[in-house]
Amino acid sequence: MFESERLIFRPWKVDYVEGAFRIFGDPEVARWLAGTPVESIEVMRERIELMAERYVDDYPVGKGAYAAFEKSSGEIIGGGIIKSINYSVGVEPQGEIEVGWHLASSWWGMGYGKEIGRACIRQAFETVGLERVVAVAFPDNVRSLKVMESAGMRRVGLTDQYFDKTLELYEIFREDWKNWQSNLDM
């Protein structure tokens, strides 16, 4: 578990299935995740169970997939990830860790995507101890690209190395993040 100003992050578990379905069952959200919306609560429950099993060893060290709860309402509004990135078929895995954010469309435009992104990057550097993280998004996903930039990430360019898609790749190194953070505090 970790926190940001307005959010609390907890590992996904089956108890959160309705909140997850509001996010991942939404066609507007699924569009940016290169998939189709989750079709039912039952399928969402199965996916959360698989996710919980997949990341059980990652949670103690701070990696994994997290539900993002708004502190004031207690509602699940999105999620964040700090995990090994999925490489395209035929690409030799390099062990890169990606950060990512998912946000219910009803919460878009309120700064929560930026907050989730920044919180996941902070978690990756301060708790997990990583030296570099990456993030990817479709080139036309303007909101996600803005989140990356607002979190101090640097555009690397278009790549087809991940998820069997052509995506924008961004990265940030721990030292650059520290410098970026200190400029925010000024």
N, C-alpha and C. Protein backbone atom coordinates (compact mmCIF):
# COMPACT_ATOMS: atom_id res chain seq x y z
N MET A 1 0.84 -1.18 0.00
CA MET A 1 0.00 0.00 0.00
C MET A 1 0.89 1.25 0.00
N PHE A 2 0.45 2.27 -0.75
CA PHE A 2 1.13 3.57 -0.72
C PHE A 2 0.09 4.65 -1.00
N GLU A 3 0.49 5.90 -0.84
CA GLU A 3 -0.46 7.00 -0.95
C GLU A 3 0.10 8.15 -1.78
N SER A 4 -0.82 8.99 -2.23
CA SER A 4 -0.48 10.28 -2.81
C SER A 4 -1.37 11.29 -2.10
N GLU A 5 -1.39 12.50 -2.58
CA GLU A 5 -2.16 13.54 -1.89
C GLU A 5 -3.64 13.17 -1.74
N ARG A 6 -4.27 12.71 -2.80
CA ARG A 6 -5.71 12.43 -2.77
C ARG A 6 -6.07 10.95 -2.89
N LEU A 7 -5.06 10.08 -3.02
CA LEU A 7 -5.33 8.67 -3.32
C LEU A 7 -4.60 7.71 -2.38
N ILE A 8 -5.19 6.55 -2.22
CA ILE A 8 -4.56 5.42 -1.53
C ILE A 8 -4.51 4.28 -2.54
N PHE A 9 -3.36 3.63 -2.64
CA PHE A 9 -3.16 2.53 -3.57
C PHE A 9 -3.05 1.23 -2.80
N ARG A 10 -3.87 0.26 -3.21
CA ARG A 10 -3.86 -1.07 -2.58
C ARG A 10 -3.80 -2.12 -3.68
N PRO A 11 -3.14 -3.26 -3.43
CA PRO A 11 -3.13 -4.32 -4.44
C PRO A 11 -4.56 -4.72 -4.80
N TRP A 12 -4.80 -4.95 -6.10
CA TRP A 12 -6.12 -5.39 -6.53
C TRP A 12 -6.48 -6.70 -5.86
N LYS A 13 -7.72 -6.81 -5.42
CA LYS A 13 -8.24 -8.07 -4.92
C LYS A 13 -9.69 -8.21 -5.33
N VAL A 14 -10.20 -9.43 -5.23
CA VAL A 14 -11.54 -9.74 -5.73
C VAL A 14 -12.61 -8.85 -5.11
N ASP A 15 -12.43 -8.42 -3.89
CA ASP A 15 -13.40 -7.53 -3.25
C ASP A 15 -13.62 -6.23 -4.04
N TYR A 16 -12.68 -5.89 -4.90
CA TYR A 16 -12.75 -4.63 -5.65
C TYR A 16 -13.33 -4.80 -7.05
N VAL A 17 -13.97 -5.94 -7.31
CA VAL A 17 -14.41 -6.28 -8.66
C VAL A 17 -15.36 -5.25 -9.28
N GLU A 18 -16.28 -4.70 -8.50
CA GLU A 18 -17.22 -3.73 -9.08
C GLU A 18 -16.51 -2.46 -9.52
N GLY A 19 -15.58 -1.99 -8.70
CA GLY A 19 -14.81 -0.80 -9.08
C GLY A 19 -13.94 -1.08 -10.30
N ALA A 20 -13.35 -2.25 -10.34
CA ALA A 20 -12.54 -2.63 -11.50
C ALA A 20 -13.38 -2.68 -12.76
N PHE A 21 -14.57 -3.25 -12.65
CA PHE A 21 -15.44 -3.37 -13.83
C PHE A 21 -15.87 -2.00 -14.34
N ARG A 22 -16.09 -1.03 -13.43
CA ARG A 22 -16.44 0.33 -13.87
C ARG A 22 -15.31 0.94 -14.71
N ILE A 23 -14.09 0.52 -14.45
CA ILE A 23 -12.95 1.03 -15.22
C ILE A 23 -12.75 0.20 -16.49
N PHE A 24 -12.47 -1.07 -16.32
CA PHE A 24 -12.05 -1.91 -17.44
C PHE A 24 -13.20 -2.43 -18.29
N GLY A 25 -14.43 -2.24 -17.84
CA GLY A 25 -15.60 -2.56 -18.65
C GLY A 25 -16.06 -1.38 -19.49
N ASP A 26 -15.43 -0.24 -19.31
CA ASP A 26 -15.78 0.98 -20.02
C ASP A 26 -15.08 1.02 -21.39
N PRO A 27 -15.84 1.10 -22.49
CA PRO A 27 -15.23 1.14 -23.82
C PRO A 27 -14.25 2.30 -24.01
N GLU A 28 -14.49 3.43 -23.37
CA GLU A 28 -13.59 4.58 -23.49
C GLU A 28 -12.23 4.29 -22.87
N VAL A 29 -12.21 3.55 -21.78
CA VAL A 29 -10.95 3.18 -21.14
C VAL A 29 -10.27 2.07 -21.94
N ALA A 30 -11.03 1.03 -22.29
CA ALA A 30 -10.48 -0.12 -23.01
C ALA A 30 -9.84 0.29 -24.33
N ARG A 31 -10.38 1.31 -24.95
CA ARG A 31 -9.83 1.81 -26.22
C ARG A 31 -8.34 2.10 -26.10
N TRP A 32 -7.92 2.67 -24.99
CA TRP A 32 -6.53 3.06 -24.81
C TRP A 32 -5.68 1.93 -24.26
N LEU A 33 -6.29 0.82 -23.91
CA LEU A 33 -5.56 -0.34 -23.42
C LEU A 33 -5.43 -1.41 -24.50
N ALA A 34 -5.79 -1.05 -25.73
CA ALA A 34 -5.66 -1.93 -26.89
C ALA A 34 -6.48 -3.19 -26.76
N GLY A 35 -7.60 -3.07 -26.13
CA GLY A 35 -8.42 -4.25 -25.98
C GLY A 35 -9.89 -3.93 -26.06
N THR A 36 -10.66 -4.94 -25.80
CA THR A 36 -12.09 -4.75 -25.73
C THR A 36 -12.47 -4.61 -24.27
N PRO A 37 -13.57 -3.96 -23.98
CA PRO A 37 -13.98 -3.84 -22.58
C PRO A 37 -14.22 -5.22 -21.97
N VAL A 38 -13.93 -5.34 -20.69
CA VAL A 38 -14.25 -6.56 -19.98
C VAL A 38 -15.76 -6.71 -20.03
N GLU A 39 -16.24 -7.89 -20.44
CA GLU A 39 -17.66 -8.05 -20.76
C GLU A 39 -18.58 -8.32 -19.58
N SER A 40 -18.04 -8.73 -18.43
CA SER A 40 -18.93 -9.01 -17.31
C SER A 40 -18.16 -8.95 -15.99
N ILE A 41 -18.93 -8.85 -14.92
CA ILE A 41 -18.35 -8.89 -13.57
C ILE A 41 -17.61 -10.22 -13.35
N GLU A 42 -18.18 -11.31 -13.86
CA GLU A 42 -17.56 -12.63 -13.66
C GLU A 42 -16.18 -12.69 -14.32
N VAL A 43 -16.08 -12.17 -15.55
CA VAL A 43 -14.78 -12.15 -16.24
C VAL A 43 -13.81 -11.24 -15.49
N MET A 44 -14.30 -10.10 -15.01
CA MET A 44 -13.45 -9.19 -14.25
C MET A 44 -12.93 -9.88 -13.00
N ARG A 45 -13.79 -10.62 -12.31
CA ARG A 45 -13.38 -11.36 -11.11
C ARG A 45 -12.25 -12.34 -11.44
N GLU A 46 -12.39 -13.07 -12.55
CA GLU A 46 -11.35 -14.02 -12.97
C GLU A 46 -10.03 -13.31 -13.24
N ARG A 47 -10.11 -12.17 -13.89
CA ARG A 47 -8.89 -11.41 -14.22
C ARG A 47 -8.20 -10.89 -12.95
N ILE A 48 -9.00 -10.44 -12.00
CA ILE A 48 -8.40 -9.97 -10.74
C ILE A 48 -7.75 -11.13 -10.00
N GLU A 49 -8.38 -12.28 -9.98
CA GLU A 49 -7.79 -13.45 -9.33
C GLU A 49 -6.45 -13.81 -9.97
N LEU A 50 -6.40 -13.80 -11.31
CA LEU A 50 -5.14 -14.08 -12.01
C LEU A 50 -4.09 -13.03 -11.71
N MET A 51 -4.51 -11.76 -11.67
CA MET A 51 -3.59 -10.68 -11.37
C MET A 51 -3.02 -10.82 -9.97
N ALA A 52 -3.88 -11.13 -9.02
CA ALA A 52 -3.42 -11.29 -7.63
C ALA A 52 -2.39 -12.41 -7.53
N GLU A 53 -2.62 -13.50 -8.25
CA GLU A 53 -1.65 -14.60 -8.25
C GLU A 53 -0.35 -14.19 -8.92
N ARG A 54 -0.47 -13.47 -10.04
CA ARG A 54 0.71 -13.09 -10.82
C ARG A 54 1.64 -12.17 -10.03
N TYR A 55 1.07 -11.25 -9.27
CA TYR A 55 1.88 -10.24 -8.61
C TYR A 55 2.13 -10.49 -7.12
N VAL A 56 1.73 -11.65 -6.61
CA VAL A 56 1.86 -11.90 -5.18
C VAL A 56 3.30 -11.72 -4.69
N ASP A 57 4.28 -12.12 -5.48
CA ASP A 57 5.67 -11.97 -5.07
C ASP A 57 6.19 -10.56 -5.25
N ASP A 58 5.51 -9.75 -6.08
CA ASP A 58 5.95 -8.38 -6.35
C ASP A 58 5.50 -7.40 -5.27
N TYR A 59 4.35 -7.65 -4.65
CA TYR A 59 3.81 -6.68 -3.71
C TYR A 59 4.72 -6.38 -2.52
N PRO A 60 5.36 -7.38 -1.94
CA PRO A 60 6.22 -7.02 -0.80
C PRO A 60 7.32 -6.04 -1.15
N VAL A 61 7.74 -6.01 -2.42
CA VAL A 61 8.81 -5.09 -2.81
C VAL A 61 8.27 -3.83 -3.48
N GLY A 62 6.95 -3.70 -3.60
CA GLY A 62 6.35 -2.48 -4.11
C GLY A 62 5.94 -2.50 -5.57
N LYS A 63 6.28 -3.58 -6.30
CA LYS A 63 5.82 -3.68 -7.69
C LYS A 63 4.45 -4.34 -7.71
N GLY A 64 3.77 -4.27 -8.86
CA GLY A 64 2.50 -4.94 -9.01
C GLY A 64 1.46 -4.05 -9.64
N ALA A 65 0.20 -4.43 -9.46
CA ALA A 65 -0.93 -3.69 -9.99
C ALA A 65 -1.80 -3.26 -8.82
N TYR A 66 -2.14 -1.99 -8.77
CA TYR A 66 -2.81 -1.40 -7.61
C TYR A 66 -4.12 -0.72 -7.99
N ALA A 67 -5.11 -0.86 -7.13
CA ALA A 67 -6.34 -0.09 -7.24
C ALA A 67 -6.08 1.26 -6.58
N ALA A 68 -6.60 2.33 -7.19
CA ALA A 68 -6.44 3.68 -6.65
C ALA A 68 -7.78 4.13 -6.06
N PHE A 69 -7.79 4.33 -4.75
CA PHE A 69 -8.99 4.77 -4.03
C PHE A 69 -8.89 6.27 -3.76
N GLU A 70 -9.94 7.00 -4.05
CA GLU A 70 -9.98 8.40 -3.67
C GLU A 70 -10.16 8.46 -2.16
N LYS A 71 -9.31 9.21 -1.48
CA LYS A 71 -9.36 9.27 -0.02
C LYS A 71 -10.68 9.82 0.50
N SER A 72 -11.19 10.87 -0.12
CA SER A 72 -12.37 11.53 0.42
C SER A 72 -13.64 10.69 0.29
N SER A 73 -13.76 9.92 -0.79
CA SER A 73 -14.99 9.14 -1.00
C SER A 73 -14.81 7.65 -0.73
N GLY A 74 -13.56 7.17 -0.76
CA GLY A 74 -13.30 5.75 -0.63
C GLY A 74 -13.57 4.97 -1.90
N GLU A 75 -13.93 5.67 -2.98
CA GLU A 75 -14.28 5.03 -4.25
C GLU A 75 -13.02 4.67 -5.05
N ILE A 76 -13.08 3.51 -5.71
CA ILE A 76 -12.02 3.14 -6.64
C ILE A 76 -12.22 3.97 -7.90
N ILE A 77 -11.21 4.77 -8.25
CA ILE A 77 -11.33 5.62 -9.42
C ILE A 77 -10.40 5.21 -10.54
N GLY A 78 -9.45 4.34 -10.25
CA GLY A 78 -8.49 3.92 -11.26
C GLY A 78 -7.51 2.92 -10.69
N GLY A 79 -6.37 2.86 -11.34
CA GLY A 79 -5.34 1.94 -10.89
C GLY A 79 -3.99 2.36 -11.43
N GLY A 80 -2.97 1.78 -10.85
CA GLY A 80 -1.60 2.03 -11.28
C GLY A 80 -0.83 0.74 -11.35
N ILE A 81 0.19 0.72 -12.19
CA ILE A 81 1.04 -0.46 -12.31
C ILE A 81 2.50 -0.09 -12.23
N ILE A 82 3.26 -1.00 -11.67
CA ILE A 82 4.72 -0.97 -11.66
C ILE A 82 5.10 -2.42 -11.91
N LYS A 83 5.40 -2.77 -13.16
CA LYS A 83 5.57 -4.18 -13.50
C LYS A 83 6.50 -4.34 -14.69
N SER A 84 6.92 -5.57 -14.92
CA SER A 84 7.71 -5.88 -16.11
C SER A 84 6.86 -5.61 -17.33
N ILE A 85 7.43 -4.92 -18.30
CA ILE A 85 6.68 -4.58 -19.51
C ILE A 85 6.56 -5.80 -20.41
N ASN A 86 5.50 -5.87 -21.18
CA ASN A 86 5.29 -6.96 -22.13
C ASN A 86 5.97 -6.61 -23.45
N TYR A 87 6.87 -7.47 -23.90
CA TYR A 87 7.59 -7.25 -25.14
C TYR A 87 6.82 -7.82 -26.32
N SER A 88 7.03 -7.23 -27.49
CA SER A 88 6.43 -7.74 -28.71
C SER A 88 7.02 -9.10 -29.05
N VAL A 89 6.27 -9.87 -29.82
CA VAL A 89 6.74 -11.17 -30.27
C VAL A 89 8.04 -10.99 -31.03
N GLY A 90 9.04 -11.81 -30.69
CA GLY A 90 10.33 -11.75 -31.37
C GLY A 90 11.31 -10.76 -30.78
N VAL A 91 10.89 -9.97 -29.80
CA VAL A 91 11.79 -9.00 -29.16
C VAL A 91 12.37 -9.64 -27.91
N GLU A 92 13.68 -9.60 -27.79
CA GLU A 92 14.37 -10.15 -26.63
C GLU A 92 14.08 -9.28 -25.41
N PRO A 93 13.45 -9.84 -24.37
CA PRO A 93 13.15 -9.05 -23.16
C PRO A 93 14.42 -8.46 -22.54
N GLN A 94 14.31 -7.21 -22.12
CA GLN A 94 15.44 -6.50 -21.51
C GLN A 94 15.24 -6.27 -20.01
N GLY A 95 14.15 -6.76 -19.46
CA GLY A 95 13.91 -6.61 -18.04
C GLY A 95 13.43 -5.22 -17.62
N GLU A 96 12.88 -4.47 -18.57
CA GLU A 96 12.43 -3.12 -18.25
C GLU A 96 11.16 -3.16 -17.40
N ILE A 97 11.01 -2.16 -16.55
CA ILE A 97 9.83 -2.02 -15.71
C ILE A 97 9.04 -0.82 -16.21
N GLU A 98 7.75 -1.04 -16.38
CA GLU A 98 6.88 0.05 -16.82
C GLU A 98 6.03 0.54 -15.65
N VAL A 99 5.71 1.81 -15.72
CA VAL A 99 4.71 2.39 -14.85
C VAL A 99 3.52 2.73 -15.74
N GLY A 100 2.34 2.67 -15.17
CA GLY A 100 1.15 2.97 -15.95
C GLY A 100 0.01 3.36 -15.05
N TRP A 101 -1.03 3.86 -15.68
CA TRP A 101 -2.19 4.36 -14.95
C TRP A 101 -3.43 4.06 -15.76
N HIS A 102 -4.49 3.77 -15.06
CA HIS A 102 -5.80 3.53 -15.66
C HIS A 102 -6.79 4.34 -14.82
N LEU A 103 -7.69 5.00 -15.47
CA LEU A 103 -8.59 5.89 -14.75
C LEU A 103 -9.99 5.77 -15.34
N ALA A 104 -10.98 5.61 -14.45
CA ALA A 104 -12.38 5.58 -14.90
C ALA A 104 -12.67 6.87 -15.66
N SER A 105 -13.37 6.76 -16.78
CA SER A 105 -13.60 7.93 -17.63
C SER A 105 -14.38 9.03 -16.91
N SER A 106 -15.17 8.67 -15.92
CA SER A 106 -15.91 9.69 -15.16
C SER A 106 -14.98 10.56 -14.32
N TRP A 107 -13.71 10.16 -14.18
CA TRP A 107 -12.75 10.92 -13.38
C TRP A 107 -11.71 11.62 -14.25
N TRP A 108 -11.84 11.53 -15.57
CA TRP A 108 -10.90 12.19 -16.46
C TRP A 108 -11.00 13.71 -16.30
N GLY A 109 -9.88 14.37 -16.51
CA GLY A 109 -9.87 15.83 -16.51
C GLY A 109 -9.77 16.46 -15.14
N MET A 110 -9.52 15.68 -14.11
CA MET A 110 -9.44 16.21 -12.74
C MET A 110 -8.04 16.10 -12.14
N GLY A 111 -7.06 15.72 -12.95
CA GLY A 111 -5.70 15.61 -12.46
C GLY A 111 -5.35 14.29 -11.80
N TYR A 112 -6.28 13.34 -11.78
CA TYR A 112 -6.01 12.06 -11.12
C TYR A 112 -5.04 11.18 -11.91
N GLY A 113 -5.11 11.24 -13.24
CA GLY A 113 -4.15 10.46 -14.04
C GLY A 113 -2.73 10.88 -13.74
N LYS A 114 -2.51 12.19 -13.70
CA LYS A 114 -1.19 12.74 -13.37
C LYS A 114 -0.78 12.30 -11.96
N GLU A 115 -1.71 12.32 -11.04
CA GLU A 115 -1.39 11.94 -9.66
C GLU A 115 -1.03 10.45 -9.56
N ILE A 116 -1.77 9.61 -10.28
CA ILE A 116 -1.46 8.17 -10.28
C ILE A 116 -0.09 7.94 -10.91
N GLY A 117 0.17 8.57 -12.05
CA GLY A 117 1.46 8.41 -12.72
C GLY A 117 2.62 8.82 -11.83
N ARG A 118 2.51 9.99 -11.24
CA ARG A 118 3.59 10.48 -10.37
C ARG A 118 3.78 9.57 -9.15
N ALA A 119 2.67 9.10 -8.58
CA ALA A 119 2.76 8.23 -7.40
C ALA A 119 3.44 6.90 -7.74
N CYS A 120 3.13 6.36 -8.92
CA CYS A 120 3.76 5.09 -9.32
C CYS A 120 5.25 5.27 -9.59
N ILE A 121 5.62 6.39 -10.21
CA ILE A 121 7.04 6.65 -10.43
C ILE A 121 7.76 6.80 -9.10
N ARG A 122 7.17 7.55 -8.18
CA ARG A 122 7.77 7.71 -6.84
C ARG A 122 7.94 6.35 -6.17
N GLN A 123 6.91 5.52 -6.22
CA GLN A 123 6.96 4.18 -5.63
C GLN A 123 8.09 3.36 -6.28
N ALA A 124 8.20 3.44 -7.60
CA ALA A 124 9.23 2.68 -8.32
C ALA A 124 10.64 3.07 -7.88
N PHE A 125 10.85 4.35 -7.66
CA PHE A 125 12.19 4.81 -7.29
C PHE A 125 12.44 4.72 -5.79
N GLU A 126 11.50 5.18 -4.97
CA GLU A 126 11.74 5.25 -3.53
C GLU A 126 11.58 3.91 -2.82
N THR A 127 10.61 3.11 -3.23
CA THR A 127 10.35 1.85 -2.52
C THR A 127 10.98 0.66 -3.23
N VAL A 128 10.76 0.56 -4.54
CA VAL A 128 11.31 -0.58 -5.28
C VAL A 128 12.81 -0.41 -5.50
N GLY A 129 13.26 0.83 -5.61
CA GLY A 129 14.70 1.09 -5.78
C GLY A 129 15.18 0.99 -7.21
N LEU A 130 14.30 1.20 -8.17
CA LEU A 130 14.69 1.11 -9.57
C LEU A 130 15.54 2.31 -9.98
N GLU A 131 16.30 2.13 -11.05
CA GLU A 131 17.11 3.22 -11.59
C GLU A 131 16.45 3.87 -12.79
N ARG A 132 15.52 3.14 -13.45
CA ARG A 132 14.85 3.66 -14.65
C ARG A 132 13.50 2.98 -14.79
N VAL A 133 12.50 3.74 -15.23
CA VAL A 133 11.20 3.17 -15.59
C VAL A 133 10.79 3.73 -16.94
N VAL A 134 9.91 2.99 -17.60
CA VAL A 134 9.39 3.41 -18.89
C VAL A 134 7.87 3.45 -18.82
N ALA A 135 7.27 4.13 -19.79
CA ALA A 135 5.82 4.15 -19.95
C ALA A 135 5.56 4.21 -21.45
N VAL A 136 4.46 3.60 -21.88
CA VAL A 136 4.09 3.60 -23.29
C VAL A 136 2.63 3.98 -23.43
N ALA A 137 2.30 4.54 -24.59
CA ALA A 137 0.92 4.90 -24.90
C ALA A 137 0.77 4.99 -26.41
N PHE A 138 -0.45 4.83 -26.87
CA PHE A 138 -0.72 5.05 -28.29
C PHE A 138 -0.40 6.50 -28.63
N PRO A 139 0.14 6.75 -29.82
CA PRO A 139 0.51 8.11 -30.19
C PRO A 139 -0.64 9.12 -30.13
N ASP A 140 -1.88 8.66 -30.30
CA ASP A 140 -3.01 9.59 -30.26
C ASP A 140 -3.67 9.67 -28.88
N ASN A 141 -3.09 9.02 -27.88
CA ASN A 141 -3.61 9.10 -26.51
C ASN A 141 -3.02 10.34 -25.83
N VAL A 142 -3.51 11.48 -26.23
CA VAL A 142 -2.96 12.76 -25.79
C VAL A 142 -2.96 12.88 -24.26
N ARG A 143 -4.01 12.42 -23.61
CA ARG A 143 -4.07 12.53 -22.14
C ARG A 143 -2.92 11.77 -21.48
N SER A 144 -2.69 10.57 -21.93
CA SER A 144 -1.63 9.76 -21.32
C SER A 144 -0.25 10.36 -21.60
N LEU A 145 -0.05 10.86 -22.81
CA LEU A 145 1.23 11.49 -23.14
C LEU A 145 1.46 12.71 -22.24
N LYS A 146 0.40 13.46 -21.96
CA LYS A 146 0.53 14.62 -21.06
C LYS A 146 0.87 14.18 -19.65
N VAL A 147 0.31 13.05 -19.21
CA VAL A 147 0.64 12.53 -17.88
C VAL A 147 2.14 12.23 -17.82
N MET A 148 2.66 11.57 -18.85
CA MET A 148 4.09 11.23 -18.87
C MET A 148 4.95 12.48 -18.77
N GLU A 149 4.60 13.48 -19.56
CA GLU A 149 5.37 14.72 -19.55
C GLU A 149 5.24 15.44 -18.22
N SER A 150 4.03 15.43 -17.64
CA SER A 150 3.82 16.12 -16.36
C SER A 150 4.52 15.41 -15.20
N ALA A 151 4.94 14.18 -15.45
CA ALA A 151 5.66 13.43 -14.41
C ALA A 151 7.16 13.48 -14.63
N GLY A 152 7.61 14.34 -15.55
CA GLY A 152 9.04 14.51 -15.78
C GLY A 152 9.65 13.50 -16.72
N MET A 153 8.84 12.67 -17.36
CA MET A 153 9.37 11.65 -18.27
C MET A 153 9.81 12.30 -19.58
N ARG A 154 10.78 11.67 -20.22
CA ARG A 154 11.34 12.14 -21.49
C ARG A 154 10.88 11.24 -22.63
N ARG A 155 10.42 11.86 -23.71
CA ARG A 155 10.00 11.11 -24.89
C ARG A 155 11.22 10.49 -25.56
N VAL A 156 11.16 9.19 -25.79
CA VAL A 156 12.21 8.48 -26.51
C VAL A 156 11.83 8.41 -27.99
N GLY A 157 10.53 8.17 -28.27
CA GLY A 157 10.06 8.12 -29.65
C GLY A 157 9.14 6.94 -29.88
N LEU A 158 8.75 6.76 -31.13
CA LEU A 158 7.89 5.64 -31.50
C LEU A 158 8.68 4.33 -31.46
N THR A 159 8.00 3.28 -31.02
CA THR A 159 8.63 1.96 -30.95
C THR A 159 7.58 0.89 -31.20
N ASP A 160 8.05 -0.23 -31.71
CA ASP A 160 7.19 -1.41 -31.84
C ASP A 160 7.71 -2.55 -30.98
N GLN A 161 8.50 -2.23 -29.97
CA GLN A 161 9.14 -3.22 -29.10
C GLN A 161 8.21 -3.83 -28.06
N TYR A 162 7.05 -3.23 -27.84
CA TYR A 162 6.18 -3.65 -26.74
C TYR A 162 4.76 -3.92 -27.21
N PHE A 163 4.14 -4.92 -26.60
CA PHE A 163 2.71 -5.20 -26.77
C PHE A 163 2.28 -5.44 -28.23
N ASP A 164 3.23 -5.70 -29.12
CA ASP A 164 2.92 -5.92 -30.54
C ASP A 164 2.15 -4.74 -31.14
N LYS A 165 2.49 -3.54 -30.72
CA LYS A 165 1.85 -2.31 -31.19
C LYS A 165 2.91 -1.26 -31.46
N THR A 166 2.57 -0.24 -32.23
CA THR A 166 3.43 0.93 -32.38
C THR A 166 2.99 1.94 -31.32
N LEU A 167 3.90 2.26 -30.42
CA LEU A 167 3.59 3.09 -29.25
C LEU A 167 4.63 4.18 -29.07
N GLU A 168 4.23 5.22 -28.35
CA GLU A 168 5.18 6.23 -27.90
C GLU A 168 5.85 5.70 -26.64
N LEU A 169 7.16 5.79 -26.59
CA LEU A 169 7.93 5.35 -25.43
C LEU A 169 8.49 6.56 -24.70
N TYR A 170 8.27 6.58 -23.39
CA TYR A 170 8.83 7.60 -22.51
C TYR A 170 9.64 6.89 -21.44
N GLU A 171 10.61 7.60 -20.86
CA GLU A 171 11.43 7.04 -19.80
C GLU A 171 11.79 8.12 -18.80
N ILE A 172 12.19 7.67 -17.63
CA ILE A 172 12.77 8.58 -16.65
C ILE A 172 13.73 7.77 -15.78
N PHE A 173 14.87 8.38 -15.50
CA PHE A 173 15.89 7.79 -14.64
C PHE A 173 15.74 8.37 -13.24
N ARG A 174 16.14 7.60 -12.26
CA ARG A 174 16.01 8.02 -10.86
C ARG A 174 16.64 9.40 -10.62
N GLU A 175 17.84 9.62 -11.11
CA GLU A 175 18.53 10.89 -10.86
C GLU A 175 17.78 12.06 -11.51
N ASP A 176 17.27 11.84 -12.71
CA ASP A 176 16.49 12.90 -13.38
C ASP A 176 15.20 13.17 -12.61
N TRP A 177 14.59 12.11 -12.08
CA TRP A 177 13.37 12.27 -11.30
C TRP A 177 13.65 13.08 -10.03
N LYS A 178 14.77 12.77 -9.36
CA LYS A 178 15.13 13.53 -8.15
C LYS A 178 15.28 15.01 -8.48
N ASN A 179 15.97 15.31 -9.58
CA ASN A 179 16.16 16.71 -9.98
C ASN A 179 14.82 17.35 -10.33
N TRP A 180 13.98 16.62 -11.02
CA TRP A 180 12.66 17.12 -11.40
C TRP A 180 11.83 17.39 -10.14
N GLN A 181 11.88 16.47 -9.18
CA GLN A 181 11.16 16.64 -7.90
C GLN A 181 11.63 17.88 -7.16
N SER A 182 12.95 18.07 -7.11
CA SER A 182 13.47 19.22 -6.36
C SER A 182 13.03 20.53 -7.03
N ASN A 183 12.89 20.54 -8.35
CA ASN A 183 12.40 21.74 -9.03
C ASN A 183 10.93 22.00 -8.71
N LEU A 184 10.16 20.94 -8.51
CA LEU A 184 8.75 21.10 -8.14
C LEU A 184 8.61 21.71 -6.75
N ASP A 185 9.53 21.32 -5.86
CA ASP A 185 9.46 21.79 -4.47
C ASP A 185 9.86 23.25 -4.31
N MET A 186 10.48 23.83 -5.33
CA MET A 186 10.95 25.21 -5.23
C MET A 186 9.82 26.20 -5.34
